[in-house]
N, C-alpha and C. Protein backbone atom coordinates (compact mmCIF):
# COMPACT_ATOMS: atom_id res chain seq x y z
N UNK A 1 147.31 50.56 74.54
CA UNK A 1 147.50 52.01 74.43
C UNK A 1 146.33 52.65 73.71
N UNK A 2 145.85 53.77 74.22
CA UNK A 2 144.75 54.48 73.58
C UNK A 2 145.32 55.55 72.67
N UNK A 3 144.91 55.52 71.41
CA UNK A 3 145.39 56.50 70.45
C UNK A 3 144.60 57.79 70.59
N UNK A 4 145.27 58.90 70.42
CA UNK A 4 144.61 60.19 70.49
C UNK A 4 144.78 60.91 69.15
N UNK A 5 144.08 62.02 69.01
CA UNK A 5 144.17 62.79 67.77
C UNK A 5 145.55 63.40 67.56
N UNK A 6 146.37 63.44 68.60
CA UNK A 6 147.69 64.06 68.50
C UNK A 6 148.73 63.11 67.88
N UNK A 7 148.44 61.82 67.83
CA UNK A 7 149.40 60.87 67.31
C UNK A 7 149.37 60.87 65.79
N UNK A 8 150.54 60.99 65.18
CA UNK A 8 150.65 60.97 63.73
C UNK A 8 151.60 59.86 63.32
N UNK A 9 151.60 59.55 62.02
CA UNK A 9 152.52 58.55 61.50
C UNK A 9 153.96 58.95 61.78
N UNK A 10 154.25 60.24 61.62
CA UNK A 10 155.62 60.72 61.85
C UNK A 10 156.06 60.47 63.29
N UNK A 11 155.14 60.65 64.22
CA UNK A 11 155.47 60.40 65.63
C UNK A 11 155.70 58.92 65.88
N UNK A 12 154.93 58.08 65.18
CA UNK A 12 155.15 56.64 65.32
C UNK A 12 156.52 56.24 64.79
N UNK A 13 156.92 56.82 63.66
CA UNK A 13 158.23 56.52 63.08
C UNK A 13 159.34 56.97 64.04
N UNK A 14 159.18 58.12 64.64
CA UNK A 14 160.17 58.60 65.61
C UNK A 14 160.26 57.65 66.80
N UNK A 15 159.10 57.14 67.22
CA UNK A 15 159.10 56.20 68.34
C UNK A 15 159.85 54.92 67.98
N UNK A 16 159.63 54.45 66.74
CA UNK A 16 160.35 53.26 66.28
C UNK A 16 161.85 53.50 66.27
N UNK A 17 162.26 54.67 65.80
CA UNK A 17 163.68 54.99 65.74
C UNK A 17 164.30 55.05 67.13
N UNK A 18 163.51 55.46 68.11
CA UNK A 18 164.04 55.61 69.47
C UNK A 18 163.90 54.35 70.30
N UNK A 19 162.73 53.68 70.19
CA UNK A 19 162.46 52.55 71.07
C UNK A 19 162.33 51.21 70.35
N UNK A 20 162.34 51.22 69.01
CA UNK A 20 162.17 49.98 68.26
C UNK A 20 160.72 49.76 67.85
N UNK A 21 160.53 48.93 66.82
CA UNK A 21 159.18 48.68 66.30
C UNK A 21 158.30 47.96 67.30
N UNK A 22 158.92 47.25 68.26
CA UNK A 22 158.13 46.53 69.26
C UNK A 22 157.34 47.47 70.16
N UNK A 23 157.66 48.76 70.12
CA UNK A 23 156.93 49.73 70.95
C UNK A 23 155.56 50.08 70.37
N UNK A 24 155.30 49.66 69.13
CA UNK A 24 154.01 49.95 68.50
C UNK A 24 152.98 48.89 68.84
N UNK A 25 151.74 49.31 68.98
CA UNK A 25 150.64 48.37 69.15
C UNK A 25 150.33 47.74 67.79
N UNK A 26 149.55 46.66 67.79
CA UNK A 26 149.14 46.04 66.53
C UNK A 26 148.43 47.06 65.64
N UNK A 27 147.57 47.85 66.26
CA UNK A 27 146.80 48.87 65.54
C UNK A 27 147.75 49.85 64.83
N UNK A 28 148.78 50.28 65.54
CA UNK A 28 149.73 51.25 64.98
C UNK A 28 150.59 50.63 63.88
N UNK A 29 150.97 49.36 64.06
CA UNK A 29 151.73 48.67 63.02
C UNK A 29 150.95 48.63 61.71
N UNK A 30 149.66 48.29 61.82
CA UNK A 30 148.81 48.24 60.63
C UNK A 30 148.70 49.61 59.97
N UNK A 31 148.55 50.63 60.79
CA UNK A 31 148.42 51.98 60.24
C UNK A 31 149.66 52.37 59.44
N UNK A 32 150.84 52.09 59.99
CA UNK A 32 152.09 52.43 59.30
C UNK A 32 152.21 51.65 58.00
N UNK A 33 151.93 50.35 58.05
CA UNK A 33 152.07 49.51 56.85
C UNK A 33 151.09 49.92 55.77
N UNK A 34 149.82 50.05 56.12
CA UNK A 34 148.81 50.36 55.11
C UNK A 34 149.00 51.76 54.52
N UNK A 35 149.40 52.70 55.36
CA UNK A 35 149.53 54.09 54.89
C UNK A 35 150.84 54.33 54.15
N UNK A 36 151.96 53.94 54.76
CA UNK A 36 153.27 54.29 54.21
C UNK A 36 153.81 53.27 53.22
N UNK A 37 153.53 51.99 53.44
CA UNK A 37 154.03 50.96 52.53
C UNK A 37 153.12 50.80 51.32
N UNK A 38 151.80 50.77 51.58
CA UNK A 38 150.86 50.51 50.50
C UNK A 38 150.14 51.77 49.99
N UNK A 39 150.44 52.91 50.60
CA UNK A 39 149.98 54.17 50.04
C UNK A 39 148.53 54.53 50.27
N UNK A 40 147.87 53.89 51.26
CA UNK A 40 146.49 54.27 51.56
C UNK A 40 146.52 55.45 52.53
N UNK A 41 146.60 56.65 51.99
CA UNK A 41 146.79 57.85 52.82
C UNK A 41 145.55 58.21 53.64
N UNK A 42 144.43 57.55 53.35
CA UNK A 42 143.21 57.83 54.12
C UNK A 42 143.28 57.21 55.51
N UNK A 43 144.17 56.21 55.66
CA UNK A 43 144.29 55.53 56.95
C UNK A 43 145.28 56.28 57.83
N UNK A 44 144.90 56.49 59.08
CA UNK A 44 145.82 57.10 60.04
C UNK A 44 145.71 56.34 61.35
N UNK A 45 146.62 56.55 62.28
CA UNK A 45 146.64 55.75 63.51
C UNK A 45 145.37 55.79 64.34
N UNK A 46 144.56 56.83 64.17
CA UNK A 46 143.38 56.95 65.03
C UNK A 46 142.09 56.56 64.33
N UNK A 47 142.20 56.06 63.08
CA UNK A 47 140.98 55.74 62.34
C UNK A 47 140.27 54.53 62.90
N UNK A 48 138.97 54.58 62.90
CA UNK A 48 138.17 53.45 63.37
C UNK A 48 138.18 52.31 62.36
N UNK A 49 138.64 52.60 61.14
CA UNK A 49 138.63 51.61 60.07
C UNK A 49 139.48 50.39 60.42
N UNK A 50 140.50 50.61 61.26
CA UNK A 50 141.41 49.51 61.61
C UNK A 50 140.99 48.77 62.87
N UNK A 51 139.98 49.24 63.55
CA UNK A 51 139.62 48.65 64.84
C UNK A 51 139.36 47.16 64.75
N UNK A 52 138.61 46.72 63.72
CA UNK A 52 138.26 45.30 63.64
C UNK A 52 139.43 44.45 63.16
N UNK A 53 140.53 45.08 62.74
CA UNK A 53 141.70 44.35 62.27
C UNK A 53 142.89 44.56 63.21
N UNK A 54 142.63 44.82 64.46
CA UNK A 54 143.70 45.16 65.39
C UNK A 54 144.50 43.95 65.85
N UNK A 55 144.06 42.74 65.53
CA UNK A 55 144.80 41.53 65.85
C UNK A 55 145.56 41.10 64.59
N UNK A 56 146.89 41.18 64.64
CA UNK A 56 147.69 40.90 63.45
C UNK A 56 147.53 39.47 62.96
N UNK A 57 147.13 38.55 63.84
CA UNK A 57 146.95 37.16 63.41
C UNK A 57 145.85 37.04 62.36
N UNK A 58 144.94 38.01 62.35
CA UNK A 58 143.82 37.94 61.41
C UNK A 58 144.25 38.18 59.97
N UNK A 59 145.39 38.81 59.77
CA UNK A 59 145.78 39.20 58.42
C UNK A 59 145.88 38.03 57.47
N UNK A 60 146.40 36.89 57.95
CA UNK A 60 146.59 35.76 57.03
C UNK A 60 145.26 35.09 56.68
N UNK A 61 144.17 35.49 57.33
CA UNK A 61 142.86 34.92 57.03
C UNK A 61 141.98 35.89 56.24
N UNK A 62 142.55 37.03 55.84
CA UNK A 62 141.78 38.01 55.07
C UNK A 62 141.32 37.41 53.75
N UNK A 63 140.11 37.73 53.36
CA UNK A 63 139.64 37.40 52.01
C UNK A 63 140.16 38.46 51.04
N UNK A 64 140.09 38.17 49.75
CA UNK A 64 140.51 39.16 48.76
C UNK A 64 139.70 40.44 48.87
N UNK A 65 138.42 40.29 49.21
CA UNK A 65 137.55 41.47 49.32
C UNK A 65 137.99 42.37 50.48
N UNK A 66 138.38 41.75 51.60
CA UNK A 66 138.84 42.54 52.75
C UNK A 66 140.13 43.27 52.42
N UNK A 67 141.05 42.57 51.74
CA UNK A 67 142.30 43.22 51.35
C UNK A 67 142.02 44.41 50.43
N UNK A 68 141.13 44.21 49.46
CA UNK A 68 140.87 45.26 48.47
C UNK A 68 140.27 46.50 49.12
N UNK A 69 139.47 46.30 50.16
CA UNK A 69 138.88 47.44 50.86
C UNK A 69 139.95 48.33 51.47
N UNK A 70 141.04 47.72 51.93
CA UNK A 70 142.10 48.48 52.60
C UNK A 70 143.21 48.92 51.65
N UNK A 71 143.51 48.11 50.64
CA UNK A 71 144.68 48.36 49.81
C UNK A 71 144.36 48.80 48.39
N UNK A 72 143.10 48.67 48.00
CA UNK A 72 142.58 49.21 46.73
C UNK A 72 143.04 48.44 45.49
N UNK A 73 144.32 48.27 45.26
CA UNK A 73 144.78 47.65 44.01
C UNK A 73 145.10 46.17 44.19
N UNK A 74 144.92 45.39 43.11
CA UNK A 74 145.24 43.97 43.14
C UNK A 74 146.72 43.74 43.38
N UNK A 75 147.55 44.63 42.86
CA UNK A 75 149.00 44.50 43.05
C UNK A 75 149.37 44.64 44.52
N UNK A 76 148.78 45.61 45.20
CA UNK A 76 149.04 45.79 46.62
C UNK A 76 148.55 44.60 47.43
N UNK A 77 147.41 44.03 47.03
CA UNK A 77 146.90 42.84 47.71
C UNK A 77 147.90 41.70 47.60
N UNK A 78 148.47 41.52 46.41
CA UNK A 78 149.47 40.46 46.21
C UNK A 78 150.70 40.71 47.07
N UNK A 79 151.16 41.97 47.13
CA UNK A 79 152.31 42.31 47.96
C UNK A 79 152.02 42.02 49.44
N UNK A 80 150.81 42.35 49.87
CA UNK A 80 150.44 42.13 51.27
C UNK A 80 150.45 40.65 51.61
N UNK A 81 149.97 39.82 50.69
CA UNK A 81 149.96 38.38 50.93
C UNK A 81 151.38 37.83 51.05
N UNK A 82 152.28 38.36 50.22
CA UNK A 82 153.69 37.94 50.30
C UNK A 82 154.28 38.37 51.64
N UNK A 83 153.94 39.57 52.08
CA UNK A 83 154.43 40.07 53.36
C UNK A 83 153.94 39.20 54.51
N UNK A 84 152.67 38.79 54.48
CA UNK A 84 152.12 37.92 55.52
C UNK A 84 152.82 36.56 55.51
N UNK A 85 153.06 36.03 54.32
CA UNK A 85 153.74 34.74 54.21
C UNK A 85 155.17 34.84 54.74
N UNK A 86 155.83 35.94 54.44
CA UNK A 86 157.18 36.18 54.94
C UNK A 86 157.20 36.18 56.47
N UNK A 87 156.25 36.91 57.07
CA UNK A 87 156.17 36.98 58.53
C UNK A 87 155.87 35.62 59.13
N UNK A 88 154.99 34.86 58.47
CA UNK A 88 154.63 33.55 58.98
C UNK A 88 155.81 32.59 58.94
N UNK A 89 156.61 32.68 57.89
CA UNK A 89 157.78 31.80 57.78
C UNK A 89 158.85 32.16 58.79
N UNK A 90 158.99 33.44 59.09
CA UNK A 90 159.93 33.85 60.12
C UNK A 90 159.54 33.30 61.48
N UNK A 91 158.24 33.30 61.73
CA UNK A 91 157.73 32.85 63.02
C UNK A 91 157.79 31.34 63.15
N UNK A 92 157.63 30.65 62.02
CA UNK A 92 157.55 29.19 62.06
C UNK A 92 158.88 28.59 62.50
N UNK A 93 158.81 27.66 63.41
CA UNK A 93 160.01 26.99 63.87
C UNK A 93 160.55 26.09 62.77
N UNK A 94 161.88 26.12 62.52
CA UNK A 94 162.42 25.33 61.43
C UNK A 94 162.33 23.83 61.65
N UNK A 95 162.36 23.40 62.90
CA UNK A 95 162.26 21.98 63.18
C UNK A 95 161.43 21.74 64.43
N UNK A 96 160.61 20.72 64.39
CA UNK A 96 159.91 20.25 65.57
C UNK A 96 160.64 19.01 66.06
N UNK A 97 160.92 18.92 67.34
CA UNK A 97 161.59 17.75 67.87
C UNK A 97 160.75 17.22 69.01
N UNK A 98 159.92 16.26 68.73
CA UNK A 98 158.99 15.74 69.71
C UNK A 98 159.73 14.95 70.78
N UNK A 99 159.48 15.23 72.04
CA UNK A 99 160.09 14.50 73.13
C UNK A 99 161.39 15.10 73.60
N UNK A 100 161.97 16.01 72.82
CA UNK A 100 163.20 16.68 73.23
C UNK A 100 162.90 18.14 73.56
N UNK A 101 162.42 18.84 72.56
CA UNK A 101 162.05 20.24 72.77
C UNK A 101 160.54 20.39 72.83
N UNK A 102 159.85 19.63 71.98
CA UNK A 102 158.40 19.76 71.87
C UNK A 102 157.68 18.50 72.35
N UNK A 103 156.59 18.73 73.03
CA UNK A 103 155.66 17.68 73.43
C UNK A 103 154.42 17.83 72.56
N UNK A 104 153.40 17.04 72.84
CA UNK A 104 152.12 17.25 72.16
C UNK A 104 151.61 18.66 72.40
N UNK A 105 151.88 19.17 73.58
CA UNK A 105 151.46 20.54 73.89
C UNK A 105 152.15 21.54 72.98
N UNK A 106 153.47 21.36 72.78
CA UNK A 106 154.20 22.28 71.92
C UNK A 106 153.70 22.26 70.49
N UNK A 107 153.44 21.06 69.97
CA UNK A 107 152.92 20.95 68.61
C UNK A 107 151.52 21.53 68.53
N UNK A 108 150.70 21.21 69.54
CA UNK A 108 149.34 21.74 69.56
C UNK A 108 149.31 23.25 69.54
N UNK A 109 150.16 23.87 70.35
CA UNK A 109 150.20 25.33 70.42
C UNK A 109 150.69 25.94 69.11
N UNK A 110 151.67 25.30 68.47
CA UNK A 110 152.14 25.82 67.20
C UNK A 110 151.07 25.71 66.12
N UNK A 111 150.37 24.58 66.11
CA UNK A 111 149.36 24.37 65.07
C UNK A 111 148.12 25.23 65.28
N UNK A 112 147.88 25.66 66.52
CA UNK A 112 146.82 26.65 66.76
C UNK A 112 147.12 27.90 65.94
N UNK A 113 148.38 28.35 65.99
CA UNK A 113 148.76 29.54 65.24
C UNK A 113 148.66 29.33 63.73
N UNK A 114 148.96 28.11 63.28
CA UNK A 114 149.03 27.86 61.85
C UNK A 114 147.68 27.57 61.20
N UNK A 115 146.85 26.76 61.85
CA UNK A 115 145.59 26.36 61.21
C UNK A 115 144.37 26.56 62.10
N UNK A 116 144.57 27.05 63.32
CA UNK A 116 143.48 27.14 64.28
C UNK A 116 142.34 28.04 63.88
N UNK A 117 142.61 29.04 63.02
CA UNK A 117 141.56 29.97 62.62
C UNK A 117 141.07 29.74 61.20
N UNK A 118 141.51 28.63 60.58
CA UNK A 118 141.02 28.31 59.24
C UNK A 118 139.51 28.10 59.27
N UNK A 119 138.81 28.59 58.26
CA UNK A 119 137.36 28.42 58.18
C UNK A 119 136.99 27.07 57.58
N UNK A 120 137.96 26.41 56.97
CA UNK A 120 137.74 25.08 56.39
C UNK A 120 138.60 24.07 57.15
N UNK A 121 138.06 22.87 57.32
CA UNK A 121 138.84 21.83 57.99
C UNK A 121 139.99 21.38 57.10
N UNK A 122 141.16 21.22 57.71
CA UNK A 122 142.31 20.65 57.02
C UNK A 122 142.96 19.62 57.94
N UNK A 123 143.61 18.64 57.34
CA UNK A 123 144.33 17.64 58.12
C UNK A 123 145.80 17.67 57.70
N UNK A 124 146.67 17.91 58.68
CA UNK A 124 148.10 18.00 58.45
C UNK A 124 148.77 16.73 58.98
N UNK A 125 149.67 16.17 58.19
CA UNK A 125 150.46 15.02 58.62
C UNK A 125 151.89 15.48 58.86
N UNK A 126 152.43 15.16 60.02
CA UNK A 126 153.81 15.48 60.38
C UNK A 126 154.58 14.18 60.49
N UNK A 127 155.63 14.03 59.69
CA UNK A 127 156.43 12.81 59.67
C UNK A 127 157.72 13.01 60.46
N UNK A 128 158.10 11.98 61.21
CA UNK A 128 159.30 12.06 62.02
C UNK A 128 160.20 10.85 61.80
N UNK A 129 161.51 11.04 62.08
CA UNK A 129 162.45 9.93 61.98
C UNK A 129 162.60 9.25 63.33
N UNK A 130 163.58 8.37 63.44
CA UNK A 130 163.75 7.61 64.69
C UNK A 130 164.19 8.48 65.86
N UNK A 131 164.70 9.68 65.56
CA UNK A 131 165.11 10.61 66.62
C UNK A 131 164.04 11.66 66.89
N UNK A 132 162.87 11.42 66.32
CA UNK A 132 161.74 12.34 66.50
C UNK A 132 161.99 13.73 65.93
N UNK A 133 162.78 13.81 64.87
CA UNK A 133 162.94 15.06 64.15
C UNK A 133 162.06 15.03 62.91
N UNK A 134 161.52 16.18 62.58
CA UNK A 134 160.56 16.25 61.48
C UNK A 134 161.25 16.03 60.14
N UNK A 135 160.70 15.10 59.36
CA UNK A 135 161.16 14.83 58.01
C UNK A 135 160.39 15.65 56.99
N UNK A 136 159.09 15.75 57.20
CA UNK A 136 158.23 16.46 56.25
C UNK A 136 156.88 16.71 56.90
N UNK A 137 156.12 17.62 56.32
CA UNK A 137 154.77 17.90 56.79
C UNK A 137 153.95 18.34 55.59
N UNK A 138 152.68 18.01 55.62
CA UNK A 138 151.85 18.30 54.45
C UNK A 138 150.38 18.29 54.83
N UNK A 139 149.60 19.18 54.20
CA UNK A 139 148.15 19.11 54.31
C UNK A 139 147.67 18.01 53.37
N UNK A 140 147.09 16.96 53.93
CA UNK A 140 146.66 15.79 53.14
C UNK A 140 145.22 15.92 52.69
N UNK A 141 144.37 16.48 53.56
CA UNK A 141 142.94 16.60 53.24
C UNK A 141 142.44 18.00 53.54
N UNK A 142 141.46 18.44 52.76
CA UNK A 142 140.75 19.69 53.01
C UNK A 142 139.26 19.43 52.88
N UNK A 143 138.48 20.15 53.66
CA UNK A 143 137.04 19.98 53.61
C UNK A 143 136.53 19.26 54.84
N UNK A 144 135.31 18.77 54.78
CA UNK A 144 134.73 18.05 55.92
C UNK A 144 135.44 16.72 56.08
N UNK A 145 136.05 16.52 57.23
CA UNK A 145 136.84 15.32 57.46
C UNK A 145 135.96 14.24 58.08
N UNK A 146 135.52 13.32 57.26
CA UNK A 146 134.73 12.20 57.76
C UNK A 146 135.31 10.90 57.21
N UNK A 147 134.65 9.82 57.53
CA UNK A 147 135.15 8.51 57.12
C UNK A 147 135.24 8.36 55.61
N UNK A 148 134.43 9.12 54.89
CA UNK A 148 134.41 9.00 53.43
C UNK A 148 135.56 9.74 52.78
N UNK A 149 136.07 10.78 53.43
CA UNK A 149 137.12 11.60 52.80
C UNK A 149 138.52 11.31 53.32
N UNK A 150 138.63 10.86 54.56
CA UNK A 150 139.94 10.62 55.15
C UNK A 150 140.20 9.12 55.22
N UNK A 151 141.26 8.68 54.57
CA UNK A 151 141.60 7.27 54.61
C UNK A 151 143.06 7.12 55.04
N UNK A 152 143.34 6.25 56.01
CA UNK A 152 144.73 6.05 56.45
C UNK A 152 145.68 5.71 55.31
N UNK A 153 145.17 5.11 54.25
CA UNK A 153 146.02 4.72 53.13
C UNK A 153 146.82 5.91 52.58
N UNK A 154 146.15 7.06 52.40
CA UNK A 154 146.82 8.24 51.86
C UNK A 154 147.85 8.79 52.83
N UNK A 155 147.54 8.69 54.10
CA UNK A 155 148.46 9.19 55.13
C UNK A 155 149.73 8.34 55.18
N UNK A 156 149.56 7.02 55.17
CA UNK A 156 150.72 6.14 55.24
C UNK A 156 151.50 6.12 53.92
N UNK A 157 150.83 6.37 52.83
CA UNK A 157 151.52 6.49 51.54
C UNK A 157 152.52 7.64 51.60
N UNK A 158 152.09 8.75 52.20
CA UNK A 158 152.98 9.90 52.40
C UNK A 158 154.13 9.53 53.33
N UNK A 159 153.84 8.77 54.39
CA UNK A 159 154.87 8.36 55.34
C UNK A 159 155.92 7.46 54.69
N UNK A 160 155.48 6.54 53.85
CA UNK A 160 156.41 5.62 53.18
C UNK A 160 157.34 6.36 52.22
N UNK A 161 156.83 7.42 51.63
CA UNK A 161 157.64 8.19 50.67
C UNK A 161 158.90 8.75 51.33
N UNK A 162 158.80 9.05 52.62
CA UNK A 162 159.93 9.62 53.36
C UNK A 162 160.57 8.62 54.32
N UNK A 163 160.14 7.37 54.25
CA UNK A 163 160.65 6.33 55.16
C UNK A 163 160.54 6.78 56.62
N UNK A 164 159.39 7.34 56.95
CA UNK A 164 159.17 7.86 58.30
C UNK A 164 159.07 6.74 59.33
N UNK A 165 159.60 6.99 60.50
CA UNK A 165 159.49 6.02 61.59
C UNK A 165 158.19 6.20 62.36
N UNK A 166 157.69 7.41 62.39
CA UNK A 166 156.45 7.70 63.12
C UNK A 166 155.79 8.95 62.55
N UNK A 167 154.56 9.16 62.94
CA UNK A 167 153.82 10.31 62.41
C UNK A 167 152.81 10.83 63.42
N UNK A 168 152.41 12.06 63.18
CA UNK A 168 151.38 12.73 63.97
C UNK A 168 150.39 13.34 62.97
N UNK A 169 149.12 13.28 63.27
CA UNK A 169 148.15 13.99 62.44
C UNK A 169 147.50 15.10 63.27
N UNK A 170 147.26 16.20 62.62
CA UNK A 170 146.64 17.36 63.28
C UNK A 170 145.55 17.89 62.37
N UNK A 171 144.38 18.15 62.93
CA UNK A 171 143.37 18.83 62.13
C UNK A 171 142.65 19.87 62.98
N UNK A 172 141.99 20.77 62.32
CA UNK A 172 141.33 21.88 63.00
C UNK A 172 139.82 21.71 63.03
N UNK A 173 139.20 22.33 64.01
CA UNK A 173 137.74 22.47 64.08
C UNK A 173 137.42 23.95 63.91
N UNK A 174 136.86 24.35 62.78
CA UNK A 174 136.54 25.76 62.56
C UNK A 174 135.63 26.36 63.63
N UNK A 175 134.84 25.52 64.28
CA UNK A 175 133.96 26.00 65.34
C UNK A 175 134.73 26.50 66.55
N UNK A 176 135.99 26.07 66.67
CA UNK A 176 136.80 26.43 67.83
C UNK A 176 136.69 25.44 68.97
N UNK A 177 135.69 24.56 68.90
CA UNK A 177 135.49 23.54 69.94
C UNK A 177 136.34 22.32 69.59
N UNK A 178 137.27 21.96 70.46
CA UNK A 178 138.22 20.90 70.13
C UNK A 178 137.81 19.51 70.61
N UNK A 179 136.65 19.40 71.21
CA UNK A 179 136.16 18.08 71.62
C UNK A 179 136.05 17.17 70.40
N UNK A 180 136.66 15.97 70.44
CA UNK A 180 136.64 15.09 69.26
C UNK A 180 135.24 14.61 68.92
N UNK A 181 134.94 14.58 67.63
CA UNK A 181 133.67 14.06 67.16
C UNK A 181 133.76 12.54 67.05
N UNK A 182 132.64 11.91 66.75
CA UNK A 182 132.64 10.46 66.54
C UNK A 182 133.55 10.09 65.37
N UNK A 183 133.53 10.90 64.31
CA UNK A 183 134.41 10.65 63.17
C UNK A 183 135.88 10.79 63.54
N UNK A 184 136.19 11.76 64.40
CA UNK A 184 137.57 11.95 64.85
C UNK A 184 138.07 10.71 65.60
N UNK A 185 137.21 10.18 66.46
CA UNK A 185 137.59 9.00 67.25
C UNK A 185 137.73 7.77 66.35
N UNK A 186 136.84 7.66 65.36
CA UNK A 186 136.93 6.54 64.43
C UNK A 186 138.23 6.59 63.64
N UNK A 187 138.58 7.79 63.16
CA UNK A 187 139.82 7.95 62.41
C UNK A 187 141.02 7.60 63.27
N UNK A 188 140.99 8.02 64.52
CA UNK A 188 142.09 7.71 65.43
C UNK A 188 142.27 6.21 65.60
N UNK A 189 141.18 5.50 65.79
CA UNK A 189 141.25 4.05 65.96
C UNK A 189 141.74 3.36 64.68
N UNK A 190 141.28 3.85 63.53
CA UNK A 190 141.73 3.28 62.26
C UNK A 190 143.22 3.52 62.05
N UNK A 191 143.67 4.71 62.40
CA UNK A 191 145.09 5.03 62.27
C UNK A 191 145.93 4.17 63.22
N UNK A 192 145.44 3.99 64.44
CA UNK A 192 146.16 3.19 65.42
C UNK A 192 146.27 1.74 64.94
N UNK A 193 145.19 1.22 64.40
CA UNK A 193 145.18 -0.16 63.90
C UNK A 193 146.12 -0.30 62.70
N UNK A 194 146.05 0.65 61.76
CA UNK A 194 146.87 0.58 60.56
C UNK A 194 148.36 0.71 60.88
N UNK A 195 148.68 1.54 61.86
CA UNK A 195 150.08 1.76 62.20
C UNK A 195 150.75 0.49 62.72
N UNK A 196 149.98 -0.31 63.45
CA UNK A 196 150.53 -1.57 63.97
C UNK A 196 150.80 -2.56 62.84
N UNK A 197 149.96 -2.54 61.83
CA UNK A 197 150.13 -3.45 60.70
C UNK A 197 151.27 -2.99 59.79
N UNK A 198 151.36 -1.68 59.57
CA UNK A 198 152.31 -1.13 58.60
C UNK A 198 153.67 -0.77 59.18
N UNK A 199 153.77 -0.77 60.50
CA UNK A 199 155.08 -0.54 61.12
C UNK A 199 155.53 0.91 61.19
N UNK A 200 154.60 1.83 61.12
CA UNK A 200 154.92 3.25 61.31
C UNK A 200 154.18 3.71 62.56
N UNK A 201 154.91 4.12 63.58
CA UNK A 201 154.30 4.48 64.85
C UNK A 201 153.38 5.69 64.71
N UNK A 202 152.19 5.57 65.27
CA UNK A 202 151.21 6.66 65.27
C UNK A 202 151.26 7.33 66.63
N UNK A 203 151.93 8.48 66.71
CA UNK A 203 152.19 9.10 68.01
C UNK A 203 151.02 9.89 68.58
N UNK A 204 150.29 10.59 67.73
CA UNK A 204 149.22 11.42 68.28
C UNK A 204 148.28 11.90 67.17
N UNK A 205 147.08 12.20 67.58
CA UNK A 205 146.09 12.89 66.74
C UNK A 205 145.66 14.10 67.55
N UNK A 206 145.98 15.28 67.04
CA UNK A 206 145.72 16.52 67.76
C UNK A 206 144.67 17.33 67.02
N UNK A 207 143.70 17.83 67.77
CA UNK A 207 142.65 18.69 67.22
C UNK A 207 142.89 20.10 67.75
N UNK A 208 142.86 21.09 66.87
CA UNK A 208 143.09 22.46 67.32
C UNK A 208 141.91 23.35 66.95
N UNK A 209 141.69 24.34 67.81
CA UNK A 209 140.74 25.41 67.52
C UNK A 209 141.50 26.72 67.48
N UNK A 210 140.81 27.82 67.61
CA UNK A 210 141.47 29.12 67.53
C UNK A 210 142.31 29.44 68.76
N UNK A 211 142.00 28.79 69.90
CA UNK A 211 142.73 29.11 71.13
C UNK A 211 143.16 27.90 71.94
N UNK A 212 142.76 26.70 71.55
CA UNK A 212 143.07 25.52 72.36
C UNK A 212 143.30 24.30 71.48
N UNK A 213 143.77 23.22 72.11
CA UNK A 213 144.00 21.98 71.38
C UNK A 213 143.54 20.80 72.22
N UNK A 214 143.38 19.66 71.56
CA UNK A 214 143.01 18.41 72.23
C UNK A 214 143.94 17.33 71.70
N UNK A 215 144.66 16.66 72.59
CA UNK A 215 145.59 15.60 72.20
C UNK A 215 145.02 14.24 72.58
N UNK A 216 144.87 13.37 71.59
CA UNK A 216 144.39 12.01 71.85
C UNK A 216 145.38 11.25 72.73
N UNK A 217 146.66 11.53 72.57
CA UNK A 217 147.68 10.87 73.39
C UNK A 217 147.59 11.33 74.84
N UNK A 218 147.50 12.62 75.05
CA UNK A 218 147.42 13.15 76.41
C UNK A 218 146.17 12.67 77.13
N UNK A 219 145.08 12.49 76.38
CA UNK A 219 143.82 12.06 76.98
C UNK A 219 143.69 10.54 77.03
N UNK A 220 144.78 9.83 76.72
CA UNK A 220 144.85 8.36 76.83
C UNK A 220 143.92 7.63 75.85
N UNK A 221 143.50 8.33 74.80
CA UNK A 221 142.69 7.67 73.77
C UNK A 221 143.59 6.82 72.88
N UNK A 222 144.82 7.31 72.67
CA UNK A 222 145.87 6.52 72.02
C UNK A 222 146.77 5.98 73.11
N UNK A 223 147.04 4.69 73.06
CA UNK A 223 147.85 4.06 74.11
C UNK A 223 149.23 3.70 73.59
């Protein structure tokens, strides 16, 4: 929808009352929140200031400096972060069930939303029971993921804590390119070898970018 000079916050509120909040564009949602909730009266629905923030997914990746430019006070920045976390938790599925509701594709698509746009590499471990229901999940590593920083020992230590029957590891490529690196392939082979020795099934290693994923299981790298 193209905004015109005739559109005001009051008109947006009336539209919400008549048609629901889903009738607003991302741009309009931001305008209402920043102006009416956080009190930045300089922002209006037609301002160019919001153009670069028109994708709501970007909000959870804002730096403190970006928040301060829009919300001015540290208190408002803190409130905004809580609001983003609230929205993210609402969106997050309470349980992943691999093989019943979710496949590697389902997990890959969910993790794109969760970590695909991170500027730093992170590795998430997802633990499952014998029915493939999630027991726990945790970011195990942050930073450049290479042979020196990622060790299967820490991953399986987490798995043993929950008596997991199997696990999946997921990490992101900040570049957005999901093609596995040599280090990614080495880690996969080490995990596969360790899982056979330790008795915890290694189901998949998934790499995600901002819009796509790569599954070692789907590509037959894990057998």
